């Protein structure tokens, strides 16, 4: 049976500018008493062999140093977007986790993503022979939540540095990408992400509702 974590490194992409949240590291905003990124780390860490935090600059690295994970600033300067973070993590994996042939990427502002995300993506690429798989829900794809073959690092670096490609879809269109669907109604989407103060309030409501549900659930 395939062990999905054995050859998968993970990266939490924490390099967003957070403009709609008022600037700063939005992943450090408190949600249910903990920083938003702490919820993401707790869900991602058990799914991969090793986990990296990707940031834009040294200031962000200092603020996230307390989480006890390796941190790598973008290898391409100038806020080049999530593809730069993915390239950074691929290069890190090649140097620090050479047994990991795959990279799983997670957004730092999405605290409800599935606990079986990586196993399902890894199974999909194993069965389909693809180089990339991404998550989907409610009829939408979520390209930041994806599994990437680390061997694509050179091609990605050329696309970023020589072709100035910044959008994930513009680059992945060159490859056969498998979409893996996850359940969830529109108001209970596992890939709901926190971009604004209103989103943060909605996320807090979801946590409170889940806690009430667990308290009220009858014991077996």
N, C-alpha and C. Protein backbone atom coordinates (compact mmCIF):
# COMPACT_ATOMS: atom_id res chain seq x y z
N UNK A 1 0.85 -1.20 0.00
CA UNK A 1 0.00 0.00 0.00
C UNK A 1 0.88 1.24 0.00
N UNK A 2 0.50 2.25 -0.77
CA UNK A 2 1.26 3.48 -0.87
C UNK A 2 1.27 4.24 0.45
N UNK A 3 2.45 4.59 0.93
CA UNK A 3 2.58 5.47 2.08
C UNK A 3 2.72 6.89 1.55
N UNK A 4 1.67 7.71 1.62
CA UNK A 4 1.68 8.99 0.92
C UNK A 4 2.67 9.99 1.48
N UNK A 5 3.03 9.87 2.76
CA UNK A 5 3.89 10.88 3.35
C UNK A 5 5.37 10.59 3.14
N UNK A 6 5.72 9.36 2.83
CA UNK A 6 7.12 8.97 2.82
C UNK A 6 7.95 9.72 1.80
N UNK A 7 7.37 10.09 0.67
CA UNK A 7 8.15 10.79 -0.35
C UNK A 7 7.55 12.17 -0.68
N UNK A 8 6.85 12.75 0.31
CA UNK A 8 6.22 14.05 0.10
C UNK A 8 6.70 15.06 1.14
N UNK A 9 7.31 16.13 0.66
CA UNK A 9 7.60 17.28 1.51
C UNK A 9 6.44 18.25 1.40
N UNK A 10 6.27 19.10 2.39
CA UNK A 10 5.18 20.06 2.36
C UNK A 10 5.68 21.48 2.54
N UNK A 11 4.92 22.43 2.01
CA UNK A 11 5.25 23.84 2.20
C UNK A 11 3.97 24.61 2.49
N UNK A 12 4.01 25.42 3.53
CA UNK A 12 2.95 26.37 3.82
C UNK A 12 3.36 27.70 3.21
N UNK A 13 2.58 28.17 2.25
CA UNK A 13 2.90 29.42 1.55
C UNK A 13 2.38 30.60 2.36
N UNK A 14 3.30 31.27 3.04
CA UNK A 14 2.94 32.35 3.95
C UNK A 14 3.51 33.68 3.46
N UNK A 15 3.56 33.85 2.14
CA UNK A 15 4.19 35.04 1.59
C UNK A 15 3.23 36.09 1.09
N UNK A 16 1.93 35.97 1.37
CA UNK A 16 0.97 36.96 0.88
C UNK A 16 1.15 38.32 1.54
N UNK A 17 0.74 39.35 0.83
CA UNK A 17 0.89 40.71 1.35
C UNK A 17 -0.22 41.10 2.33
N UNK A 18 -1.33 40.40 2.30
CA UNK A 18 -2.40 40.66 3.27
C UNK A 18 -3.05 42.02 3.14
N UNK A 19 -3.15 42.56 1.92
CA UNK A 19 -3.70 43.91 1.75
C UNK A 19 -5.15 44.01 2.22
N UNK A 20 -5.96 43.00 1.91
CA UNK A 20 -7.38 43.06 2.27
C UNK A 20 -7.60 42.88 3.76
N UNK A 21 -6.56 42.41 4.47
CA UNK A 21 -6.66 42.27 5.92
C UNK A 21 -6.06 43.49 6.61
N UNK A 22 -5.59 44.46 5.81
CA UNK A 22 -5.02 45.66 6.38
C UNK A 22 -3.50 45.63 6.44
N UNK A 23 -2.89 44.65 5.75
CA UNK A 23 -1.43 44.58 5.71
C UNK A 23 -0.87 43.72 6.83
N UNK A 24 0.44 43.49 6.77
CA UNK A 24 1.10 42.66 7.77
C UNK A 24 0.88 41.18 7.50
N UNK A 25 1.38 40.35 8.40
CA UNK A 25 1.26 38.90 8.26
C UNK A 25 -0.12 38.47 8.75
N UNK A 26 -1.07 38.35 7.83
CA UNK A 26 -2.43 37.97 8.24
C UNK A 26 -2.46 36.59 8.85
N UNK A 27 -1.47 35.75 8.50
CA UNK A 27 -1.48 34.40 9.05
C UNK A 27 -1.23 34.38 10.56
N UNK A 28 -0.84 35.52 11.13
CA UNK A 28 -0.64 35.60 12.57
C UNK A 28 -1.86 36.16 13.30
N UNK A 29 -2.90 36.54 12.55
CA UNK A 29 -4.15 36.96 13.20
C UNK A 29 -4.73 35.80 13.98
N UNK A 30 -5.33 36.10 15.12
CA UNK A 30 -5.84 35.06 15.99
C UNK A 30 -7.17 34.51 15.50
N UNK A 31 -7.28 33.20 15.53
CA UNK A 31 -8.50 32.49 15.20
C UNK A 31 -8.70 31.42 16.25
N UNK A 32 -9.82 31.50 16.97
CA UNK A 32 -10.10 30.55 18.05
C UNK A 32 -8.93 30.46 19.03
N UNK A 33 -8.32 31.63 19.31
CA UNK A 33 -7.27 31.70 20.32
C UNK A 33 -5.87 31.36 19.86
N UNK A 34 -5.71 30.99 18.58
CA UNK A 34 -4.39 30.66 18.06
C UNK A 34 -4.16 31.39 16.76
N UNK A 35 -2.89 31.65 16.39
CA UNK A 35 -2.63 32.25 15.08
C UNK A 35 -3.21 31.39 13.96
N UNK A 36 -3.71 32.05 12.95
CA UNK A 36 -4.30 31.35 11.81
C UNK A 36 -3.37 30.28 11.26
N UNK A 37 -2.09 30.61 11.13
CA UNK A 37 -1.15 29.65 10.56
C UNK A 37 -0.94 28.44 11.46
N UNK A 38 -1.19 28.58 12.76
CA UNK A 38 -1.05 27.43 13.66
C UNK A 38 -2.07 26.35 13.31
N UNK A 39 -3.27 26.76 12.92
CA UNK A 39 -4.28 25.80 12.51
C UNK A 39 -3.85 25.08 11.23
N UNK A 40 -3.24 25.85 10.31
CA UNK A 40 -2.78 25.27 9.05
C UNK A 40 -1.66 24.27 9.30
N UNK A 41 -0.70 24.64 10.13
CA UNK A 41 0.41 23.74 10.44
C UNK A 41 -0.10 22.45 11.08
N UNK A 42 -1.05 22.58 12.00
CA UNK A 42 -1.57 21.40 12.70
C UNK A 42 -2.23 20.42 11.74
N UNK A 43 -2.84 20.92 10.67
CA UNK A 43 -3.49 20.05 9.70
C UNK A 43 -2.49 19.51 8.67
N UNK A 44 -1.49 20.31 8.33
CA UNK A 44 -0.55 19.91 7.28
C UNK A 44 0.55 18.97 7.79
N UNK A 45 1.07 19.23 8.98
CA UNK A 45 2.27 18.51 9.43
C UNK A 45 2.12 17.00 9.44
N UNK A 46 0.98 16.43 9.91
CA UNK A 46 0.88 14.97 9.91
C UNK A 46 0.77 14.35 8.52
N UNK A 47 0.54 15.16 7.50
CA UNK A 47 0.28 14.62 6.17
C UNK A 47 1.54 14.46 5.32
N UNK A 48 2.68 15.00 5.79
CA UNK A 48 3.88 15.02 4.97
C UNK A 48 5.08 14.53 5.77
N UNK A 49 6.15 14.22 5.06
CA UNK A 49 7.38 13.76 5.71
C UNK A 49 8.06 14.90 6.45
N UNK A 50 8.10 16.07 5.84
CA UNK A 50 8.72 17.24 6.45
C UNK A 50 7.98 18.47 5.95
N UNK A 51 7.95 19.53 6.77
CA UNK A 51 7.15 20.71 6.44
C UNK A 51 8.01 21.97 6.51
N UNK A 52 7.86 22.82 5.49
CA UNK A 52 8.61 24.07 5.36
C UNK A 52 7.63 25.24 5.39
N UNK A 53 8.07 26.36 5.98
CA UNK A 53 7.32 27.60 5.88
C UNK A 53 8.02 28.48 4.84
N UNK A 54 7.26 28.96 3.88
CA UNK A 54 7.81 29.87 2.86
C UNK A 54 7.32 31.28 3.13
N UNK A 55 8.25 32.24 3.10
CA UNK A 55 7.93 33.65 3.36
C UNK A 55 8.57 34.51 2.28
N UNK A 56 8.23 35.81 2.30
CA UNK A 56 8.80 36.72 1.32
C UNK A 56 10.13 37.33 1.75
N UNK A 57 10.27 37.57 3.06
CA UNK A 57 11.44 38.35 3.50
C UNK A 57 11.88 37.94 4.89
N UNK A 58 13.00 38.52 5.31
CA UNK A 58 13.58 38.18 6.61
C UNK A 58 12.70 38.60 7.77
N UNK A 59 11.95 39.70 7.62
CA UNK A 59 11.09 40.17 8.70
C UNK A 59 9.99 39.14 8.98
N UNK A 60 9.39 38.62 7.92
CA UNK A 60 8.36 37.60 8.10
C UNK A 60 8.96 36.32 8.69
N UNK A 61 10.17 35.99 8.28
CA UNK A 61 10.83 34.80 8.81
C UNK A 61 11.02 34.92 10.31
N UNK A 62 11.40 36.11 10.77
CA UNK A 62 11.61 36.31 12.21
C UNK A 62 10.29 36.14 12.97
N UNK A 63 9.20 36.65 12.41
CA UNK A 63 7.90 36.57 13.09
C UNK A 63 7.38 35.13 13.17
N UNK A 64 7.78 34.29 12.22
CA UNK A 64 7.29 32.92 12.19
C UNK A 64 8.27 31.91 12.79
N UNK A 65 9.37 32.39 13.31
CA UNK A 65 10.42 31.48 13.79
C UNK A 65 9.97 30.67 15.00
N UNK A 66 8.97 31.14 15.71
CA UNK A 66 8.54 30.45 16.91
C UNK A 66 7.77 29.16 16.68
N UNK A 67 7.47 28.85 15.44
CA UNK A 67 6.69 27.65 15.16
C UNK A 67 7.56 26.40 15.03
N UNK A 68 8.88 26.56 15.10
CA UNK A 68 9.77 25.41 15.13
C UNK A 68 9.91 24.65 13.84
N UNK A 69 9.63 25.31 12.72
CA UNK A 69 9.76 24.68 11.41
C UNK A 69 10.82 25.40 10.60
N UNK A 70 11.46 24.71 9.66
CA UNK A 70 12.39 25.41 8.77
C UNK A 70 11.66 26.47 7.96
N UNK A 71 12.35 27.57 7.70
CA UNK A 71 11.76 28.70 6.98
C UNK A 71 12.66 29.07 5.82
N UNK A 72 12.06 29.29 4.66
CA UNK A 72 12.84 29.66 3.47
C UNK A 72 12.20 30.87 2.79
N UNK A 73 12.91 31.99 2.72
CA UNK A 73 12.41 33.13 1.95
C UNK A 73 12.44 32.83 0.46
N UNK A 74 11.59 33.51 -0.29
CA UNK A 74 11.53 33.31 -1.74
C UNK A 74 12.90 33.40 -2.39
N UNK A 75 13.19 32.48 -3.29
CA UNK A 75 14.45 32.53 -4.04
C UNK A 75 14.38 33.56 -5.16
N UNK A 76 13.19 34.07 -5.45
CA UNK A 76 13.01 35.13 -6.44
C UNK A 76 12.45 36.35 -5.72
N UNK A 77 13.11 37.47 -5.83
CA UNK A 77 12.70 38.68 -5.11
C UNK A 77 11.52 39.36 -5.80
N UNK A 78 10.85 40.22 -5.02
CA UNK A 78 9.84 41.08 -5.61
C UNK A 78 8.42 40.57 -5.53
N UNK A 79 8.10 39.76 -4.53
CA UNK A 79 6.73 39.27 -4.35
C UNK A 79 6.20 38.67 -5.65
N UNK A 80 6.85 37.62 -6.10
CA UNK A 80 6.53 36.99 -7.39
C UNK A 80 5.35 36.04 -7.32
N UNK A 81 4.69 35.93 -6.16
CA UNK A 81 3.49 35.12 -6.06
C UNK A 81 3.75 33.69 -5.63
N UNK A 82 2.69 32.88 -5.59
CA UNK A 82 2.82 31.51 -5.06
C UNK A 82 3.75 30.61 -5.85
N UNK A 83 3.89 30.83 -7.15
CA UNK A 83 4.83 30.00 -7.91
C UNK A 83 6.26 30.16 -7.39
N UNK A 84 6.60 31.37 -6.96
CA UNK A 84 7.94 31.58 -6.39
C UNK A 84 8.10 30.79 -5.10
N UNK A 85 7.03 30.72 -4.31
CA UNK A 85 7.09 29.92 -3.09
C UNK A 85 7.21 28.44 -3.39
N UNK A 86 6.54 27.99 -4.41
CA UNK A 86 6.62 26.57 -4.79
C UNK A 86 8.02 26.24 -5.29
N UNK A 87 8.59 27.12 -6.11
CA UNK A 87 9.97 26.91 -6.56
C UNK A 87 10.93 26.88 -5.38
N UNK A 88 10.76 27.81 -4.46
CA UNK A 88 11.61 27.86 -3.27
C UNK A 88 11.56 26.54 -2.52
N UNK A 89 10.36 26.01 -2.34
CA UNK A 89 10.20 24.76 -1.61
C UNK A 89 10.78 23.58 -2.38
N UNK A 90 10.65 23.59 -3.71
CA UNK A 90 11.26 22.53 -4.51
C UNK A 90 12.77 22.53 -4.34
N UNK A 91 13.37 23.71 -4.40
CA UNK A 91 14.83 23.79 -4.22
C UNK A 91 15.23 23.37 -2.81
N UNK A 92 14.43 23.75 -1.83
CA UNK A 92 14.72 23.34 -0.45
C UNK A 92 14.64 21.82 -0.32
N UNK A 93 13.60 21.23 -0.91
CA UNK A 93 13.45 19.79 -0.83
C UNK A 93 14.60 19.06 -1.51
N UNK A 94 15.05 19.58 -2.65
CA UNK A 94 16.18 18.95 -3.34
C UNK A 94 17.42 18.93 -2.47
N UNK A 95 17.61 19.99 -1.67
CA UNK A 95 18.81 20.10 -0.84
C UNK A 95 18.65 19.43 0.52
N UNK A 96 17.47 19.55 1.12
CA UNK A 96 17.29 19.12 2.51
C UNK A 96 16.47 17.84 2.67
N UNK A 97 15.71 17.47 1.67
CA UNK A 97 14.88 16.26 1.76
C UNK A 97 14.91 15.52 0.44
N UNK A 98 16.08 15.05 0.02
CA UNK A 98 16.22 14.46 -1.32
C UNK A 98 15.40 13.20 -1.55
N UNK A 99 14.94 12.56 -0.48
CA UNK A 99 14.10 11.37 -0.67
C UNK A 99 12.67 11.74 -1.05
N UNK A 100 12.33 13.02 -0.93
CA UNK A 100 10.97 13.47 -1.26
C UNK A 100 10.89 13.84 -2.74
N UNK A 101 10.16 13.06 -3.50
CA UNK A 101 9.99 13.30 -4.93
C UNK A 101 8.85 14.25 -5.22
N UNK A 102 8.02 14.49 -4.21
CA UNK A 102 6.82 15.30 -4.38
C UNK A 102 6.77 16.42 -3.35
N UNK A 103 6.10 17.49 -3.74
CA UNK A 103 5.91 18.64 -2.85
C UNK A 103 4.41 18.92 -2.75
N UNK A 104 3.90 18.96 -1.54
CA UNK A 104 2.51 19.37 -1.31
C UNK A 104 2.50 20.81 -0.83
N UNK A 105 1.66 21.62 -1.44
CA UNK A 105 1.58 23.04 -1.05
C UNK A 105 0.26 23.34 -0.37
N UNK A 106 0.34 24.20 0.65
CA UNK A 106 -0.82 24.59 1.45
C UNK A 106 -0.83 26.11 1.60
N UNK A 107 -2.01 26.71 1.56
CA UNK A 107 -2.13 28.14 1.79
C UNK A 107 -2.18 28.41 3.29
N UNK A 108 -1.54 29.50 3.72
CA UNK A 108 -1.44 29.81 5.14
C UNK A 108 -2.71 30.43 5.71
N UNK A 109 -3.69 30.72 4.84
CA UNK A 109 -4.90 31.40 5.31
C UNK A 109 -6.14 30.53 5.18
N UNK A 110 -5.96 29.20 5.12
CA UNK A 110 -7.06 28.28 4.87
C UNK A 110 -7.10 27.22 5.96
N UNK A 111 -7.84 27.45 7.04
CA UNK A 111 -7.71 26.62 8.24
C UNK A 111 -8.57 25.36 8.28
N UNK A 112 -9.33 25.06 7.20
CA UNK A 112 -10.24 23.92 7.25
C UNK A 112 -9.95 22.87 6.18
N UNK A 113 -8.81 22.94 5.51
CA UNK A 113 -8.57 22.02 4.40
C UNK A 113 -8.54 20.57 4.89
N UNK A 114 -8.83 19.61 4.01
CA UNK A 114 -9.02 18.22 4.43
C UNK A 114 -7.78 17.57 5.05
N UNK A 115 -8.02 16.72 6.02
CA UNK A 115 -6.94 15.99 6.66
C UNK A 115 -6.42 14.85 5.79
N UNK A 116 -7.17 14.50 4.75
CA UNK A 116 -6.71 13.47 3.82
C UNK A 116 -6.29 14.07 2.48
N UNK A 117 -5.97 15.36 2.47
CA UNK A 117 -5.62 16.05 1.23
C UNK A 117 -4.45 15.38 0.52
N UNK A 118 -3.35 15.20 1.24
CA UNK A 118 -2.14 14.69 0.60
C UNK A 118 -2.30 13.25 0.15
N UNK A 119 -2.91 12.42 0.98
CA UNK A 119 -3.05 11.01 0.60
C UNK A 119 -3.88 10.88 -0.67
N UNK A 120 -4.90 11.70 -0.82
CA UNK A 120 -5.73 11.60 -2.02
C UNK A 120 -5.01 12.17 -3.25
N UNK A 121 -4.28 13.26 -3.08
CA UNK A 121 -3.52 13.79 -4.21
C UNK A 121 -2.41 12.83 -4.62
N UNK A 122 -1.74 12.26 -3.63
CA UNK A 122 -0.63 11.34 -3.93
C UNK A 122 -1.16 10.08 -4.62
N UNK A 123 -2.30 9.58 -4.18
CA UNK A 123 -2.90 8.42 -4.82
C UNK A 123 -3.29 8.74 -6.25
N UNK A 124 -3.79 9.95 -6.46
CA UNK A 124 -4.22 10.35 -7.81
C UNK A 124 -3.06 10.37 -8.79
N UNK A 125 -1.92 10.94 -8.39
CA UNK A 125 -0.79 10.99 -9.31
C UNK A 125 -0.18 9.61 -9.52
N UNK A 126 -0.25 8.76 -8.49
CA UNK A 126 0.27 7.40 -8.64
C UNK A 126 -0.56 6.61 -9.64
N UNK A 127 -1.87 6.78 -9.56
CA UNK A 127 -2.76 6.02 -10.44
C UNK A 127 -2.85 6.63 -11.83
N UNK A 128 -2.73 7.97 -11.91
CA UNK A 128 -2.91 8.64 -13.19
C UNK A 128 -1.62 8.95 -13.93
N UNK A 129 -0.47 8.76 -13.28
CA UNK A 129 0.80 9.03 -13.93
C UNK A 129 1.03 10.50 -14.25
N UNK A 130 0.43 11.39 -13.45
CA UNK A 130 0.55 12.83 -13.71
C UNK A 130 1.73 13.44 -12.94
N UNK A 131 2.09 14.65 -13.34
CA UNK A 131 3.16 15.38 -12.67
C UNK A 131 2.64 16.38 -11.64
N UNK A 132 1.35 16.70 -11.73
CA UNK A 132 0.73 17.66 -10.83
C UNK A 132 -0.70 17.21 -10.55
N UNK A 133 -1.14 17.38 -9.31
CA UNK A 133 -2.56 17.19 -8.97
C UNK A 133 -2.97 18.35 -8.08
N UNK A 134 -4.19 18.85 -8.28
CA UNK A 134 -4.65 19.95 -7.44
C UNK A 134 -6.03 19.63 -6.90
N UNK A 135 -6.37 20.29 -5.80
CA UNK A 135 -7.65 20.08 -5.15
C UNK A 135 -8.73 20.90 -5.83
N UNK A 136 -9.97 20.41 -5.69
CA UNK A 136 -11.13 21.13 -6.21
C UNK A 136 -12.30 20.91 -5.25
N UNK A 137 -13.21 21.88 -5.22
CA UNK A 137 -14.43 21.75 -4.42
C UNK A 137 -15.46 22.71 -4.96
N UNK A 138 -16.72 22.34 -4.83
CA UNK A 138 -17.83 23.21 -5.25
C UNK A 138 -17.64 23.74 -6.67
N UNK A 139 -17.09 22.91 -7.55
CA UNK A 139 -16.92 23.29 -8.94
C UNK A 139 -15.77 24.23 -9.20
N UNK A 140 -14.89 24.46 -8.23
CA UNK A 140 -13.75 25.37 -8.38
C UNK A 140 -12.46 24.62 -8.07
N UNK A 141 -11.41 24.95 -8.81
CA UNK A 141 -10.09 24.38 -8.51
C UNK A 141 -9.37 25.28 -7.52
N UNK A 142 -8.45 24.67 -6.77
CA UNK A 142 -7.67 25.39 -5.77
C UNK A 142 -6.19 25.10 -6.03
N UNK A 143 -5.58 25.79 -6.98
CA UNK A 143 -4.24 25.41 -7.43
C UNK A 143 -3.14 25.59 -6.40
N UNK A 144 -3.40 26.37 -5.34
CA UNK A 144 -2.39 26.48 -4.29
C UNK A 144 -2.34 25.20 -3.46
N UNK A 145 -3.45 24.48 -3.38
CA UNK A 145 -3.48 23.19 -2.70
C UNK A 145 -3.22 22.12 -3.74
N UNK A 146 -1.97 21.77 -3.90
CA UNK A 146 -1.60 20.89 -4.99
C UNK A 146 -0.40 20.03 -4.61
N UNK A 147 -0.17 19.03 -5.45
CA UNK A 147 0.98 18.15 -5.32
C UNK A 147 1.80 18.30 -6.59
N UNK A 148 3.09 18.59 -6.42
CA UNK A 148 3.98 18.91 -7.53
C UNK A 148 5.16 17.95 -7.55
N UNK A 149 5.53 17.50 -8.72
CA UNK A 149 6.74 16.70 -8.84
C UNK A 149 7.95 17.63 -8.68
N UNK A 150 8.80 17.31 -7.73
CA UNK A 150 9.96 18.16 -7.44
C UNK A 150 10.87 18.31 -8.66
N UNK A 151 10.88 17.31 -9.52
CA UNK A 151 11.71 17.34 -10.72
C UNK A 151 11.33 18.46 -11.68
N UNK A 152 10.19 19.13 -11.45
CA UNK A 152 9.77 20.23 -12.31
C UNK A 152 10.46 21.55 -11.95
N UNK A 153 11.36 21.53 -10.97
CA UNK A 153 11.95 22.77 -10.46
C UNK A 153 12.66 23.58 -11.55
N UNK A 154 13.46 22.93 -12.39
CA UNK A 154 14.19 23.67 -13.42
C UNK A 154 13.23 24.33 -14.41
N UNK A 155 12.20 23.60 -14.81
CA UNK A 155 11.23 24.17 -15.75
C UNK A 155 10.48 25.34 -15.12
N UNK A 156 10.16 25.23 -13.84
CA UNK A 156 9.47 26.32 -13.16
C UNK A 156 10.37 27.53 -13.03
N UNK A 157 11.64 27.32 -12.72
CA UNK A 157 12.56 28.46 -12.60
C UNK A 157 12.70 29.20 -13.94
N UNK A 158 12.76 28.45 -15.02
CA UNK A 158 12.85 29.11 -16.34
C UNK A 158 11.58 29.93 -16.61
N UNK A 159 10.43 29.37 -16.27
CA UNK A 159 9.17 30.08 -16.50
C UNK A 159 9.11 31.38 -15.70
N UNK A 160 9.60 31.34 -14.48
CA UNK A 160 9.56 32.52 -13.62
C UNK A 160 10.58 33.57 -14.01
N UNK A 161 11.79 33.13 -14.32
CA UNK A 161 12.88 34.09 -14.55
C UNK A 161 13.01 34.54 -15.99
N UNK A 162 12.73 33.65 -16.93
CA UNK A 162 12.92 34.00 -18.34
C UNK A 162 11.62 34.42 -19.03
N UNK A 163 10.50 33.87 -18.57
CA UNK A 163 9.22 34.16 -19.20
C UNK A 163 8.33 35.07 -18.37
N UNK A 164 8.74 35.35 -17.14
CA UNK A 164 8.00 36.24 -16.25
C UNK A 164 6.58 35.73 -15.98
N UNK A 165 6.39 34.43 -15.94
CA UNK A 165 5.10 33.85 -15.62
C UNK A 165 4.86 33.94 -14.12
N UNK A 166 3.67 34.38 -13.74
CA UNK A 166 3.35 34.55 -12.34
C UNK A 166 2.10 33.77 -11.92
N UNK A 167 1.16 33.55 -12.83
CA UNK A 167 -0.07 32.86 -12.48
C UNK A 167 0.13 31.34 -12.54
N UNK A 168 -0.36 30.67 -11.51
CA UNK A 168 -0.21 29.22 -11.45
C UNK A 168 -0.81 28.56 -12.68
N UNK A 169 -2.03 28.94 -13.03
CA UNK A 169 -2.72 28.28 -14.14
C UNK A 169 -1.98 28.46 -15.47
N UNK A 170 -1.30 29.60 -15.62
CA UNK A 170 -0.57 29.85 -16.87
C UNK A 170 0.58 28.87 -17.03
N UNK A 171 1.17 28.46 -15.93
CA UNK A 171 2.28 27.51 -16.01
C UNK A 171 1.79 26.07 -16.04
N UNK A 172 0.82 25.73 -15.19
CA UNK A 172 0.37 24.35 -15.13
C UNK A 172 -0.38 23.93 -16.40
N UNK A 173 -0.81 24.90 -17.21
CA UNK A 173 -1.49 24.56 -18.47
C UNK A 173 -0.58 23.76 -19.40
N UNK A 174 0.71 23.79 -19.15
CA UNK A 174 1.66 23.05 -19.98
C UNK A 174 1.71 21.57 -19.63
N UNK A 175 1.05 21.20 -18.54
CA UNK A 175 1.14 19.84 -18.04
C UNK A 175 -0.26 19.24 -17.90
N UNK A 176 -0.29 17.93 -17.80
CA UNK A 176 -1.55 17.25 -17.50
C UNK A 176 -1.77 17.33 -15.99
N UNK A 177 -2.77 18.09 -15.59
CA UNK A 177 -3.05 18.30 -14.18
C UNK A 177 -4.30 17.52 -13.79
N UNK A 178 -4.18 16.69 -12.77
CA UNK A 178 -5.33 15.95 -12.27
C UNK A 178 -6.03 16.78 -11.20
N UNK A 179 -7.34 16.92 -11.32
CA UNK A 179 -8.14 17.60 -10.30
C UNK A 179 -8.78 16.56 -9.40
N UNK A 180 -8.64 16.73 -8.11
CA UNK A 180 -9.20 15.81 -7.13
C UNK A 180 -10.26 16.56 -6.35
N UNK A 181 -11.50 16.10 -6.43
CA UNK A 181 -12.63 16.81 -5.81
C UNK A 181 -12.82 16.40 -4.35
N UNK A 182 -13.08 17.40 -3.54
CA UNK A 182 -13.37 17.20 -2.12
C UNK A 182 -14.76 17.77 -1.85
N UNK A 183 -15.48 17.13 -0.94
CA UNK A 183 -16.85 17.54 -0.65
C UNK A 183 -16.91 18.82 0.15
N UNK A 184 -18.15 19.22 0.44
CA UNK A 184 -18.37 20.45 1.20
C UNK A 184 -19.32 21.36 0.47
N UNK A 185 -20.36 21.82 1.16
CA UNK A 185 -21.29 22.77 0.56
C UNK A 185 -20.61 24.12 0.43
N UNK A 186 -21.25 25.01 -0.32
CA UNK A 186 -20.66 26.33 -0.57
C UNK A 186 -20.37 27.07 0.73
N UNK A 187 -21.24 26.88 1.75
CA UNK A 187 -21.03 27.57 3.02
C UNK A 187 -20.20 26.73 4.00
N UNK A 188 -19.70 25.58 3.54
CA UNK A 188 -18.88 24.72 4.38
C UNK A 188 -17.70 24.20 3.57
N UNK A 189 -17.17 25.05 2.71
CA UNK A 189 -16.10 24.66 1.80
C UNK A 189 -14.83 24.41 2.61
N UNK A 190 -14.19 23.23 2.45
CA UNK A 190 -12.95 22.98 3.20
C UNK A 190 -11.81 23.89 2.78
N UNK A 191 -11.95 24.57 1.63
CA UNK A 191 -10.88 25.45 1.17
C UNK A 191 -11.25 26.93 1.35
N UNK A 192 -12.18 27.18 2.24
CA UNK A 192 -12.51 28.57 2.59
C UNK A 192 -11.25 29.26 3.10
N UNK A 193 -10.93 30.42 2.53
CA UNK A 193 -9.72 31.11 2.96
C UNK A 193 -10.05 32.48 3.55
N UNK A 194 -9.20 32.91 4.45
CA UNK A 194 -9.41 34.14 5.22
C UNK A 194 -8.63 35.27 4.56
N UNK A 195 -9.36 36.17 3.91
CA UNK A 195 -8.73 37.32 3.26
C UNK A 195 -9.05 38.65 3.93
N UNK A 196 -10.19 38.73 4.60
CA UNK A 196 -10.67 39.99 5.16
C UNK A 196 -11.06 39.79 6.62
N UNK A 197 -11.26 40.88 7.36
CA UNK A 197 -11.77 40.74 8.73
C UNK A 197 -13.10 40.01 8.79
N UNK A 198 -13.97 40.22 7.80
CA UNK A 198 -15.24 39.50 7.77
C UNK A 198 -15.02 38.00 7.61
N UNK A 199 -14.05 37.62 6.77
CA UNK A 199 -13.72 36.20 6.61
C UNK A 199 -13.23 35.60 7.92
N UNK A 200 -12.44 36.37 8.65
CA UNK A 200 -11.93 35.89 9.93
C UNK A 200 -13.07 35.66 10.90
N UNK A 201 -14.06 36.54 10.89
CA UNK A 201 -15.23 36.38 11.75
C UNK A 201 -16.02 35.14 11.35
N UNK A 202 -16.17 34.90 10.05
CA UNK A 202 -16.88 33.71 9.58
C UNK A 202 -16.14 32.44 9.99
N UNK A 203 -14.82 32.47 9.90
CA UNK A 203 -14.03 31.30 10.31
C UNK A 203 -14.21 31.03 11.80
N UNK A 204 -14.25 32.09 12.59
CA UNK A 204 -14.46 31.93 14.03
C UNK A 204 -15.82 31.31 14.32
N UNK A 205 -16.83 31.70 13.54
CA UNK A 205 -18.16 31.12 13.69
C UNK A 205 -18.14 29.63 13.37
N UNK A 206 -17.39 29.25 12.34
CA UNK A 206 -17.30 27.83 11.98
C UNK A 206 -16.65 27.02 13.09
N UNK A 207 -15.60 27.56 13.69
CA UNK A 207 -14.95 26.87 14.80
C UNK A 207 -15.90 26.74 15.98
N UNK A 208 -16.64 27.80 16.28
CA UNK A 208 -17.57 27.76 17.40
C UNK A 208 -18.68 26.74 17.15
N UNK A 209 -19.18 26.70 15.91
CA UNK A 209 -20.24 25.75 15.57
C UNK A 209 -19.74 24.31 15.68
N UNK A 210 -18.50 24.07 15.21
CA UNK A 210 -17.93 22.73 15.31
C UNK A 210 -17.74 22.31 16.76
N UNK A 211 -17.34 23.27 17.60
CA UNK A 211 -17.16 22.96 19.01
C UNK A 211 -18.49 22.64 19.68
N UNK A 212 -19.53 23.41 19.34
CA UNK A 212 -20.86 23.13 19.90
C UNK A 212 -21.35 21.76 19.46
N UNK A 213 -21.09 21.43 18.20
CA UNK A 213 -21.52 20.13 17.68
C UNK A 213 -20.83 18.98 18.40
N UNK A 214 -19.54 19.12 18.67
CA UNK A 214 -18.81 18.06 19.35
C UNK A 214 -19.26 17.89 20.79
N UNK A 215 -19.62 19.00 21.44
CA UNK A 215 -20.09 18.94 22.81
C UNK A 215 -21.45 18.27 22.89
N UNK A 216 -22.30 18.54 21.88
CA UNK A 216 -23.66 18.01 21.89
C UNK A 216 -23.75 16.59 21.35
N UNK A 217 -22.69 16.10 20.70
CA UNK A 217 -22.76 14.79 20.06
C UNK A 217 -22.85 13.70 21.13
N UNK A 218 -23.81 12.78 21.03
CA UNK A 218 -23.95 11.73 22.04
C UNK A 218 -22.78 10.78 22.00
N UNK A 219 -22.42 10.27 23.15
CA UNK A 219 -21.31 9.32 23.25
C UNK A 219 -21.75 7.95 22.76
N UNK A 220 -20.81 7.22 22.15
CA UNK A 220 -21.13 5.89 21.63
C UNK A 220 -21.29 4.91 22.79
